[in-house]
C-alpha atoms as a PDB file:
ATOM      1  CA  MET A   1      -7.985  -8.362   1.914  1.00  0.00           C
ATOM      2  CA  ASP A   2     -10.758  -9.681  -0.490  1.00  0.00           C
ATOM      3  CA  ASP A   3     -13.221  -7.367   1.182  1.00  0.00           C
ATOM      4  CA  LEU A   4     -11.457  -4.312   0.481  1.00  0.00           C
ATOM      5  CA  ALA A   5     -13.799  -1.737  -1.131  1.00  0.00           C
ATOM      6  CA  ASP A   6     -10.710  -0.254  -2.779  1.00  0.00           C
ATOM      7  CA  ARG A   7      -8.257  -2.764  -3.833  1.00  0.00           C
ATOM      8  CA  ASP A   8      -6.379  -0.524  -6.186  1.00  0.00           C
ATOM      9  CA  ARG A   9      -3.946   0.981  -3.580  1.00  0.00           C
ATOM     10  CA  TYR A  10      -1.482  -0.353  -1.366  1.00  0.00           C
ATOM     11  CA  PRO A  11      -2.794  -2.065   1.845  1.00  0.00           C
ATOM     12  CA  HIS A  12      -2.455  -0.248   5.092  1.00  0.00           C
ATOM     13  CA  ARG A  13      -0.510  -1.750   8.003  1.00  0.00           C
ATOM     14  CA  ASP A  14      -3.435  -2.804  10.117  1.00  0.00           C
ATOM     15  CA  GLU A  15      -4.819  -4.491   6.761  1.00  0.00           C
ATOM     16  CA  VAL A  16      -1.691  -6.530   6.346  1.00  0.00           C
ATOM     17  CA  VAL A  17      -1.544  -7.569   9.767  1.00  0.00           C
ATOM     18  CA  ALA A  18      -5.236  -8.625   9.642  1.00  0.00           C
ATOM     19  CA  TYR A  19      -4.597 -10.625   6.241  1.00  0.00           C
ATOM     20  CA  LEU A  20      -1.501 -12.468   8.109  1.00  0.00           C
ATOM     21  CA  THR A  21      -3.579 -13.029  11.284  1.00  0.00           C
ATOM     22  CA  ALA A  22      -6.592 -14.513   9.446  1.00  0.00           C
ATOM     23  CA  TYR A  23      -4.108 -16.809   7.172  1.00  0.00           C
ATOM     24  CA  ALA A  24      -2.326 -17.934  10.221  1.00  0.00           C
ATOM     25  CA  ASP A  25      -5.881 -18.939  11.676  1.00  0.00           C
ATOM     26  CA  ARG A  26      -6.821 -20.852   8.591  1.00  0.00           C
ATOM     27  CA  SER A  27      -3.537 -22.966   8.592  1.00  0.00           C
ATOM     28  CA  ASP A  28      -3.407 -26.258   9.970  1.00  0.00           C
ATOM     29  CA  ALA A  29      -0.077 -25.829  11.422  1.00  0.00           C
ATOM     30  CA  GLU A  30       1.669 -25.542  14.847  1.00  0.00           C
ATOM     31  CA  ILE A  31       2.745 -21.806  14.842  1.00  0.00           C
ATOM     32  CA  ARG A  32       5.233 -20.631  17.428  1.00  0.00           C
ATOM     33  CA  THR A  33       6.073 -16.740  17.891  1.00  0.00           C
ATOM     34  CA  GLY A  34       8.728 -15.165  19.560  1.00  0.00           C
ATOM     35  CA  CYS A  35      11.200 -18.010  18.463  1.00  0.00           C
ATOM     36  CA  ARG A  36      14.653 -17.319  16.548  1.00  0.00           C
ATOM     37  CA  VAL A  37      16.131 -20.273  14.716  1.00  0.00           C
ATOM     38  CA  SER A  38      19.924 -20.238  15.631  1.00  0.00           C
ATOM     39  CA  ALA A  39      21.081 -23.153  13.727  1.00  0.00           C
ATOM     40  CA  VAL A  40      19.726 -25.884  11.325  1.00  0.00           C
ATOM     41  CA  ARG A  41      21.706 -29.190  10.931  1.00  0.00           C
ATOM     42  CA  ARG A  42      21.426 -32.534   9.032  1.00  0.00           C
ATOM     43  CA  THR A  43      20.376 -35.651  10.877  1.00  0.00           C
ATOM     44  CA  GLY A  44      20.385 -38.563   8.684  1.00  0.00           C
ATOM     45  CA  ALA A  45      17.539 -38.241   6.164  1.00  0.00           C
ATOM     46  CA  GLY A  46      16.025 -35.180   7.886  1.00  0.00           C
ATOM     47  CA  PHE A  47      17.098 -31.972   9.768  1.00  0.00           C
ATOM     48  CA  GLU A  48      17.507 -30.663  13.326  1.00  0.00           C
ATOM     49  CA  VAL A  49      16.288 -27.081  13.951  1.00  0.00           C
ATOM     50  CA  GLU A  50      17.763 -25.615  17.026  1.00  0.00           C
ATOM     51  CA  LEU A  51      15.913 -22.637  18.737  1.00  0.00           C
ATOM     52  CA  ASP A  52      17.379 -19.837  20.812  1.00  0.00           C
ATOM     53  CA  GLY A  53      17.368 -21.191  24.504  1.00  0.00           C
ATOM     54  CA  GLY A  54      17.984 -24.658  23.400  1.00  0.00           C
ATOM     55  CA  ASP A  55      14.746 -26.173  22.224  1.00  0.00           C
ATOM     56  CA  ARG A  56      15.199 -28.579  19.253  1.00  0.00           C
ATOM     57  CA  LEU A  57      12.739 -29.602  16.373  1.00  0.00           C
ATOM     58  CA  SER A  58      12.943 -32.583  14.090  1.00  0.00           C
ATOM     59  CA  ALA A  59      11.938 -32.023  10.428  1.00  0.00           C
ATOM     60  CA  ARG A  60      12.061 -34.058   7.385  1.00  0.00           C
ATOM     61  CA  ALA A  61      12.221 -30.834   5.141  1.00  0.00           C
ATOM     62  CA  VAL A  62      12.844 -27.232   6.011  1.00  0.00           C
ATOM     63  CA  VAL A  63      11.615 -24.092   4.205  1.00  0.00           C
ATOM     64  CA  ALA A  64      13.527 -20.901   4.840  1.00  0.00           C
ATOM     65  CA  ALA A  65      10.903 -18.084   4.586  1.00  0.00           C
ATOM     66  CA  SER A  66      12.780 -15.336   6.049  1.00  0.00           C
ATOM     67  CA  GLY A  67      12.591 -13.225   3.007  1.00  0.00           C
ATOM     68  CA  THR A  68      15.106 -10.836   1.396  1.00  0.00           C
ATOM     69  CA  PHE A  69      14.738  -7.546   3.678  1.00  0.00           C
ATOM     70  CA  GLY A  70      16.637  -8.916   7.044  1.00  0.00           C
ATOM     71  CA  ARG A  71      20.075  -8.058   6.126  1.00  0.00           C
ATOM     72  CA  PRO A  72      20.914  -4.345   4.961  1.00  0.00           C
ATOM     73  CA  HIS A  73      23.494  -4.284   2.197  1.00  0.00           C
ATOM     74  CA  ARG A  74      26.165  -2.012   2.337  1.00  0.00           C
ATOM     75  CA  SER A  75      27.794  -1.583  -1.101  1.00  0.00           C
ATOM     76  CA  ALA A  76      31.403  -1.172  -1.679  1.00  0.00           C
ATOM     77  CA  LEU A  77      31.382   2.632  -2.543  1.00  0.00           C
ATOM     78  CA  PRO A  78      34.751   4.455  -3.476  1.00  0.00           C
ATOM     79  CA  GLY A  79      36.171   5.961  -0.231  1.00  0.00           C
ATOM     80  CA  LEU A  80      33.303   5.144   1.923  1.00  0.00           C
ATOM     81  CA  GLU A  81      35.733   3.594   4.604  1.00  0.00           C
ATOM     82  CA  GLU A  82      37.652   6.886   4.598  1.00  0.00           C
ATOM     83  CA  PHE A  83      34.462   8.912   5.331  1.00  0.00           C
ATOM     84  CA  THR A  84      34.444   9.939   9.027  1.00  0.00           C
ATOM     85  CA  GLY A  85      30.940  11.657   8.900  1.00  0.00           C
ATOM     86  CA  GLN A  86      27.696   9.692   9.852  1.00  0.00           C
ATOM     87  CA  VAL A  87      26.932   6.660   7.732  1.00  0.00           C
ATOM     88  CA  LEU A  88      23.448   4.713   7.863  1.00  0.00           C
ATOM     89  CA  HIS A  89      21.522   2.293   6.053  1.00  0.00           C
ATOM     90  CA  ALA A  90      18.041   3.264   4.929  1.00  0.00           C
ATOM     91  CA  ALA A  91      16.981   0.546   7.413  1.00  0.00           C
ATOM     92  CA  ASP A  92      18.101   2.832  10.337  1.00  0.00           C
ATOM     93  CA  TYR A  93      16.328   5.895   8.805  1.00  0.00           C
ATOM     94  CA  ARG A  94      13.200   6.983  10.707  1.00  0.00           C
ATOM     95  CA  SER A  95      12.644  10.741   9.900  1.00  0.00           C
ATOM     96  CA  PRO A  96      14.258  13.716   8.672  1.00  0.00           C
ATOM     97  CA  ALA A  97      14.115  15.540  11.656  1.00  0.00           C
ATOM     98  CA  PRO A  98      17.734  14.586  13.018  1.00  0.00           C
ATOM     99  CA  PHE A  99      19.124  15.972   9.529  1.00  0.00           C
ATOM    100  CA  THR A 100      17.674  19.548   9.669  1.00  0.00           C
ATOM    101  CA  GLY A 101      19.843  21.988   8.130  1.00  0.00           C
ATOM    102  CA  ARG A 102      22.828  19.333   7.515  1.00  0.00           C
ATOM    103  CA  ARG A 103      24.225  18.315   4.154  1.00  0.00           C
ATOM    104  CA  VAL A 104      23.117  14.820   3.184  1.00  0.00           C
ATOM    105  CA  VAL A 105      23.878  12.450   0.474  1.00  0.00           C
ATOM    106  CA  VAL A 106      21.453   9.644  -0.247  1.00  0.00           C
ATOM    107  CA  VAL A 107      22.823   6.708  -2.411  1.00  0.00           C
ATOM    108  CA  GLY A 108      20.730   4.531  -4.560  1.00  0.00           C
ATOM    109  CA  ALA A 109      18.319   4.836  -7.419  1.00  0.00           C
ATOM    110  CA  GLY A 110      15.416   2.637  -6.036  1.00  0.00           C
ATOM    111  CA  ASN A 111      11.982   3.635  -4.344  1.00  0.00           C
ATOM    112  CA  SER A 112      13.440   3.902  -0.970  1.00  0.00           C
ATOM    113  CA  ALA A 113      16.491   6.047  -2.055  1.00  0.00           C
ATOM    114  CA  VAL A 114      14.331   8.551  -3.887  1.00  0.00           C
ATOM    115  CA  GLN A 115      11.561   8.844  -1.333  1.00  0.00           C
ATOM    116  CA  ILE A 116      14.110   9.338   1.456  1.00  0.00           C
ATOM    117  CA  ALA A 117      15.892  11.989  -0.703  1.00  0.00           C
ATOM    118  CA  VAL A 118      12.565  14.009  -1.285  1.00  0.00           C
ATOM    119  CA  GLU A 119      11.502  13.789   2.278  1.00  0.00           C
ATOM    120  CA  LEU A 120      15.086  14.977   3.704  1.00  0.00           C
ATOM    121  CA  ALA A 121      15.218  17.735   1.018  1.00  0.00           C
ATOM    122  CA  GLU A 122      12.326  19.518   2.766  1.00  0.00           C
ATOM    123  CA  THR A 123      14.555  20.131   5.724  1.00  0.00           C
ATOM    124  CA  ALA A 124      18.097  19.554   4.659  1.00  0.00           C
ATOM    125  CA  ARG A 125      20.608  20.210   1.682  1.00  0.00           C
ATOM    126  CA  VAL A 126      20.363  16.729  -0.137  1.00  0.00           C
ATOM    127  CA  THR A 127      22.130  15.243  -3.120  1.00  0.00           C
ATOM    128  CA  LEU A 128      20.701  11.948  -4.721  1.00  0.00           C
ATOM    129  CA  ALA A 129      23.907   9.893  -5.781  1.00  0.00           C
ATOM    130  CA  THR A 130      23.522   7.280  -8.415  1.00  0.00           C
ATOM    131  CA  ARG A 131      25.514   5.274 -10.692  1.00  0.00           C
ATOM    132  CA  GLY A 132      23.105   6.200 -13.546  1.00  0.00           C
ATOM    133  CA  PRO A 133      19.833   7.836 -14.302  1.00  0.00           C
ATOM    134  CA  VAL A 134      16.654   7.123 -12.088  1.00  0.00           C
ATOM    135  CA  LYS A 135      14.306   5.092 -13.891  1.00  0.00           C
ATOM    136  CA  PHE A 136      10.590   5.881 -13.324  1.00  0.00           C
ATOM    137  CA  VAL A 137       7.512   3.691 -14.021  1.00  0.00           C
ATOM    138  CA  ALA A 138       4.156   5.265 -13.898  1.00  0.00           C
ATOM    139  CA  GLN A 139       2.184   3.990 -10.819  1.00  0.00           C
ATOM    140  CA  ARG A 140      -0.921   4.198 -12.848  1.00  0.00           C
ATOM    141  CA  ALA A 141      -1.583   3.455 -16.615  1.00  0.00           C
ATOM    142  CA  LEU A 142      -4.939   3.749 -18.440  1.00  0.00           C
ATOM    143  CA  GLY A 143      -6.720   4.692 -15.062  1.00  0.00           C
ATOM    144  CA  ARG A 144      -5.301   1.491 -13.219  1.00  0.00           C
ATOM    145  CA  ASP A 145      -2.637   0.746 -10.884  1.00  0.00           C
ATOM    146  CA  LEU A 146       0.387  -0.698 -12.391  1.00  0.00           C
ATOM    147  CA  HIS A 147      -0.001  -3.905 -10.234  1.00  0.00           C
ATOM    148  CA  PHE A 148      -3.274  -4.534 -11.861  1.00  0.00           C
ATOM    149  CA  TRP A 149      -1.988  -4.720 -15.414  1.00  0.00           C
ATOM    150  CA  LEU A 150       1.070  -6.910 -14.057  1.00  0.00           C
ATOM    151  CA  THR A 151      -1.671  -9.541 -12.741  1.00  0.00           C
ATOM    152  CA  ARG A 152      -3.945  -9.057 -15.746  1.00  0.00           C
ATOM    153  CA  THR A 153      -1.161  -9.617 -18.301  1.00  0.00           C
ATOM    154  CA  GLY A 154       0.537 -12.571 -16.424  1.00  0.00           C
ATOM    155  CA  LEU A 155       3.764 -10.787 -16.344  1.00  0.00           C
ATOM    156  CA  ASP A 156       3.453 -10.836 -12.504  1.00  0.00           C
ATOM    157  CA  THR A 157       3.747 -14.674 -12.182  1.00  0.00           C
ATOM    158  CA  ALA A 158       5.812 -15.279 -15.247  1.00  0.00           C
ATOM    159  CA  PRO A 159       8.520 -17.757 -14.410  1.00  0.00           C
ATOM    160  CA  LEU A 160      11.421 -15.189 -15.371  1.00  0.00           C
ATOM    161  CA  GLY A 161      13.565 -16.000 -12.556  1.00  0.00           C
ATOM    162  CA  ARG A 162      15.163 -18.985 -13.964  1.00  0.00           C
ATOM    163  CA  PHE A 163      16.765 -16.899 -16.734  1.00  0.00           C
ATOM    164  CA  LEU A 164      18.322 -14.358 -14.414  1.00  0.00           C
ATOM    165  CA  SER A 165      21.846 -14.641 -13.061  1.00  0.00           C
ATOM    166  CA  ARG A 166      21.049 -11.622 -10.609  1.00  0.00           C
ATOM    167  CA  PRO A 167      17.860  -9.720 -10.025  1.00  0.00           C
ATOM    168  CA  PRO A 168      17.565  -6.560 -12.247  1.00  0.00           C
ATOM    169  CA  ALA A 169      17.442  -3.081 -10.837  1.00  0.00           C
ATOM    170  CA  GLN A 170      13.877  -2.062  -9.853  1.00  0.00           C
ATOM    171  CA  PRO A 171      12.430   1.139 -11.326  1.00  0.00           C
ATOM    172  CA  VAL A 172      10.914   3.805  -9.205  1.00  0.00           C
ATOM    173  CA  LEU A 173       7.242   3.432  -9.085  1.00  0.00           C
ATOM    174  CA  ASP A 174       5.845   7.065  -9.392  1.00  0.00           C
ATOM    175  CA  ASP A 175       2.692   8.982  -9.679  1.00  0.00           C
ATOM    176  CA  GLY A 176       4.598  11.985 -11.220  1.00  0.00           C
ATOM    177  CA  ARG A 177       5.702  13.679  -7.785  1.00  0.00           C
ATOM    178  CA  TYR A 178       9.188  12.260  -7.527  1.00  0.00           C
ATOM    179  CA  ARG A 179      10.036  12.861 -11.254  1.00  0.00           C
ATOM    180  CA  ALA A 180       8.951  16.406 -10.762  1.00  0.00           C
ATOM    181  CA  THR A 181      10.973  17.103  -7.461  1.00  0.00           C
ATOM    182  CA  LEU A 182      14.025  15.668  -9.154  1.00  0.00           C
ATOM    183  CA  ALA A 183      13.556  17.871 -12.240  1.00  0.00           C
ATOM    184  CA  ALA A 184      13.449  20.706  -9.970  1.00  0.00           C
ATOM    185  CA  GLY A 185      16.643  19.889  -8.094  1.00  0.00           C
ATOM    186  CA  GLN A 186      14.735  19.069  -4.765  1.00  0.00           C
ATOM    187  CA  PRO A 187      16.708  16.964  -4.314  1.00  0.00           C
ATOM    188  CA  GLU A 188      19.532  17.312  -6.943  1.00  0.00           C
ATOM    189  CA  ARG A 189      20.895  14.164  -8.615  1.00  0.00           C
ATOM    190  CA  ARG A 190      24.878  13.623  -9.189  1.00  0.00           C
ATOM    191  CA  PRO A 191      26.606  10.593 -10.501  1.00  0.00           C
ATOM    192  CA  LEU A 192      28.284   8.635  -7.646  1.00  0.00           C
ATOM    193  CA  PHE A 193      31.099  10.316  -5.546  1.00  0.00           C
ATOM    194  CA  THR A 194      34.466   8.905  -6.496  1.00  0.00           C
ATOM    195  CA  GLY A 195      36.139   8.926  -3.126  1.00  0.00           C
ATOM    196  CA  ALA A 196      36.180  10.448   0.217  1.00  0.00           C
ATOM    197  CA  GLY A 197      38.615  11.688   2.745  1.00  0.00           C
ATOM    198  CA  GLY A 198      37.438  12.721   6.419  1.00  0.00           C
ATOM    199  CA  THR A 199      34.148  14.546   6.064  1.00  0.00           C
ATOM    200  CA  LYS A 200      34.589  15.503   2.366  1.00  0.00           C
ATOM    201  CA  LEU A 201      33.464  13.545  -0.700  1.00  0.00           C
ATOM    202  CA  VAL A 202      35.083  13.992  -4.052  1.00  0.00           C
ATOM    203  CA  TRP A 203      32.887  14.169  -6.955  1.00  0.00           C
ATOM    204  CA  PRO A 204      33.319  12.921 -10.664  1.00  0.00           C
ATOM    205  CA  ASP A 205      34.161  16.671 -11.729  1.00  0.00           C
ATOM    206  CA  GLY A 206      36.804  16.772  -9.035  1.00  0.00           C
ATOM    207  CA  GLN A 207      35.014  19.087  -6.565  1.00  0.00           C
ATOM    208  CA  ARG A 208      35.449  18.118  -2.863  1.00  0.00           C
ATOM    209  CA  GLU A 209      32.560  19.086  -0.705  1.00  0.00           C
ATOM    210  CA  GLU A 210      31.996  18.601   3.206  1.00  0.00           C
ATOM    211  CA  VAL A 211      29.079  16.400   3.853  1.00  0.00           C
ATOM    212  CA  ASP A 212      27.610  15.553   7.092  1.00  0.00           C
ATOM    213  CA  ALA A 213      25.837  12.196   6.471  1.00  0.00           C
ATOM    214  CA  ILE A 214      25.458   9.520   4.178  1.00  0.00           C
ATOM    215  CA  VAL A 215      22.207   7.417   3.773  1.00  0.00           C
ATOM    216  CA  LEU A 216      22.801   4.092   2.090  1.00  0.00           C
ATOM    217  CA  ALA A 217      19.730   3.139   0.300  1.00  0.00           C
ATOM    218  CA  THR A 218      21.440   0.076  -1.352  1.00  0.00           C
ATOM    219  CA  GLY A 219      19.075  -2.731  -0.742  1.00  0.00           C
ATOM    220  CA  TYR A 220      19.060  -5.967   1.443  1.00  0.00           C
ATOM    221  CA  ARG A 221      19.996  -9.464   1.155  1.00  0.00           C
ATOM    222  CA  PRO A 222      18.526 -12.641   2.453  1.00  0.00           C
ATOM    223  CA  ASP A 223      19.301 -13.136   6.411  1.00  0.00           C
ATOM    224  CA  LEU A 224      20.079 -16.814   6.678  1.00  0.00           C
ATOM    225  CA  PRO A 225      22.936 -17.207   9.227  1.00  0.00           C
ATOM    226  CA  TYR A 226      21.040 -20.243  10.629  1.00  0.00           C
ATOM    227  CA  LEU A 227      21.726 -22.349   7.444  1.00  0.00           C
ATOM    228  CA  ALA A 228      25.512 -21.550   7.643  1.00  0.00           C
ATOM    229  CA  ARG A 229      26.273 -25.137   9.285  1.00  0.00           C
ATOM    230  CA  LEU A 230      24.452 -26.980   6.119  1.00  0.00           C
ATOM    231  CA  ASP A 231      27.256 -27.253   3.719  1.00  0.00           C
ATOM    232  CA  GLY A 232      26.290 -26.285   0.373  1.00  0.00           C
ATOM    233  CA  ALA A 233      23.248 -24.244   1.378  1.00  0.00           C
ATOM    234  CA  LEU A 234      24.710 -20.780   1.131  1.00  0.00           C
ATOM    235  CA  ASP A 235      27.241 -19.294  -1.172  1.00  0.00           C
ATOM    236  CA  ALA A 236      30.529 -17.213  -0.029  1.00  0.00           C
ATOM    237  CA  GLU A 237      28.396 -14.169   0.244  1.00  0.00           C
ATOM    238  CA  GLY A 238      25.660 -15.718   2.450  1.00  0.00           C
ATOM    239  CA  ASP A 239      23.051 -15.946  -0.353  1.00  0.00           C
ATOM    240  CA  PRO A 240      21.102 -19.240  -0.987  1.00  0.00           C
ATOM    241  CA  ARG A 241      22.164 -21.625  -3.612  1.00  0.00           C
ATOM    242  CA  HIS A 242      18.692 -22.700  -5.385  1.00  0.00           C
ATOM    243  CA  ARG A 243      16.893 -22.957  -8.387  1.00  0.00           C
ATOM    244  CA  GLU A 244      13.377 -21.527  -8.064  1.00  0.00           C
ATOM    245  CA  GLY A 245      13.522 -22.042  -4.558  1.00  0.00           C
ATOM    246  CA  LEU A 246      14.793 -25.636  -4.321  1.00  0.00           C
ATOM    247  CA  ALA A 247      18.065 -25.942  -2.734  1.00  0.00           C
ATOM    248  CA  THR A 248      20.575 -27.315  -5.384  1.00  0.00           C
ATOM    249  CA  ASN A 249      22.822 -28.972  -2.955  1.00  0.00           C
ATOM    250  CA  VAL A 250      20.776 -29.887   0.114  1.00  0.00           C
ATOM    251  CA  PRO A 251      17.810 -32.217  -0.650  1.00  0.00           C
ATOM    252  CA  GLY A 252      14.921 -31.384   1.663  1.00  0.00           C
ATOM    253  CA  LEU A 253      15.715 -27.799   1.811  1.00  0.00           C
ATOM    254  CA  ALA A 254      13.844 -24.855   0.105  1.00  0.00           C
ATOM    255  CA  PHE A 255      13.280 -21.085   0.090  1.00  0.00           C
ATOM    256  CA  VAL A 256      10.293 -18.850   0.019  1.00  0.00           C
ATOM    257  CA  GLY A 257      10.113 -15.158  -0.694  1.00  0.00           C
ATOM    258  CA  LEU A 258      13.359 -14.400  -2.416  1.00  0.00           C
ATOM    259  CA  GLU A 259      13.585 -11.619  -4.878  1.00  0.00           C
ATOM    260  CA  TRP A 260      12.918 -13.030  -8.450  1.00  0.00           C
ATOM    261  CA  GLN A 261      12.752 -16.508  -6.993  1.00  0.00           C
ATOM    262  CA  ARG A 262      10.483 -17.524  -9.729  1.00  0.00           C
ATOM    263  CA  SER A 263       8.535 -14.311 -10.886  1.00  0.00           C
ATOM    264  CA  LEU A 264       8.382 -10.682 -10.397  1.00  0.00           C
ATOM    265  CA  SER A 265       6.061 -11.209  -7.421  1.00  0.00           C
ATOM    266  CA  SER A 266       7.980 -13.919  -5.485  1.00  0.00           C
ATOM    267  CA  HIS A 267       9.078 -11.573  -2.707  1.00  0.00           C
ATOM    268  CA  SER A 268       5.501  -9.919  -2.258  1.00  0.00           C
ATOM    269  CA  LEU A 269       2.282 -10.868  -0.272  1.00  0.00           C
ATOM    270  CA  ARG A 270       0.570 -11.555  -3.700  1.00  0.00           C
ATOM    271  CA  GLY A 271       3.266 -14.052  -4.987  1.00  0.00           C
ATOM    272  CA  VAL A 272       4.786 -15.614  -2.124  1.00  0.00           C
ATOM    273  CA  GLY A 273       1.727 -17.878  -1.459  1.00  0.00           C
ATOM    274  CA  ARG A 274       1.916 -19.468  -4.986  1.00  0.00           C
ATOM    275  CA  ASP A 275       5.416 -19.876  -4.633  1.00  0.00           C
ATOM    276  CA  ALA A 276       4.942 -21.660  -1.422  1.00  0.00           C
ATOM    277  CA  GLU A 277       2.352 -24.009  -2.880  1.00  0.00           C
ATOM    278  CA  ARG A 278       4.599 -24.970  -5.702  1.00  0.00           C
ATOM    279  CA  ILE A 279       7.485 -25.514  -3.250  1.00  0.00           C
ATOM    280  CA  ALA A 280       5.358 -27.694  -1.119  1.00  0.00           C
ATOM    281  CA  TRP A 281       4.371 -30.029  -3.832  1.00  0.00           C
ATOM    282  CA  ARG A 282       8.165 -30.316  -5.167  1.00  0.00           C
ATOM    283  CA  LEU A 283       9.301 -31.277  -1.592  1.00  0.00           C
ATOM    284  CA  ALA A 284       6.495 -33.659  -0.837  1.00  0.00           C
ATOM    285  CA  ALA A 285       7.150 -36.044  -3.801  1.00  0.00           C
ATOM    286  CA  PRO A 286      10.632 -37.206  -2.917  1.00  0.00           C
ATOM    287  CA  LEU A 287       9.608 -37.378   0.881  1.00  0.00           C
ATOM    288  CA  ALA A 288       6.743 -39.582   0.052  1.00  0.00           C
ATOM    289  CA  ARG A 289       9.124 -41.986  -1.913  1.00  0.00           C
ATOM    290  CA  ARG A 290      11.305 -42.308   1.212  1.00  0.00           C
END
């Protein structure tokens, strides 16, 4: 994307595809597409990687680079199991059309939650339900995009991940539109409901209200079922056990693209390459001594 005339914006879909395609072309590696890994097993000092269909690959090291957006997370919300209306995750949301004229509650306080709620509010009656106030950060400051300043100050790559027991909640990046629409009540924001029964939600003030649908914009978790047979690779929740990308209990296993793996940008295109290079060097050293 170096040849873009305007770098101070998010890339479009085709630009991302072109970037990844060019990266793959420059890579001196065998690339297989349309292959799904079903299991990874230990074989002596290395690993066996099993693909759907039965093919097997041998490797001295494995890097799980499937990122953090493969497994939609459904938070344990009060009364959600008793709610009989429609419940869907933001991963399954496509457009506001099916919700026209309906009563919808969007749960979450991040970018996806706010963007979906604002879009739905144009054709439906919408409440954004959150555990606390929505936190906004200006998309632009002093005439430049926020990501410019994150890169210029070094905060983007600062190794802060090692000090975090869990990733912090991300604020909503805003050019002013979302803050204004919430302030105007389109959509309204309320504290999270306290219970549910049938198609009714119970709000903290005791009000019971008929609701047609709940949209859960409650994030994602790493999708790593193929590592389930590697003892110690994942915790009880299916999340990787690692320190800055290196598995803590499985020598030769590493992860790339995890949220706050090492820095703020670890799960983005601008940061994953740096983390991958670092992981490669750390994996290569013990392999060279074998």
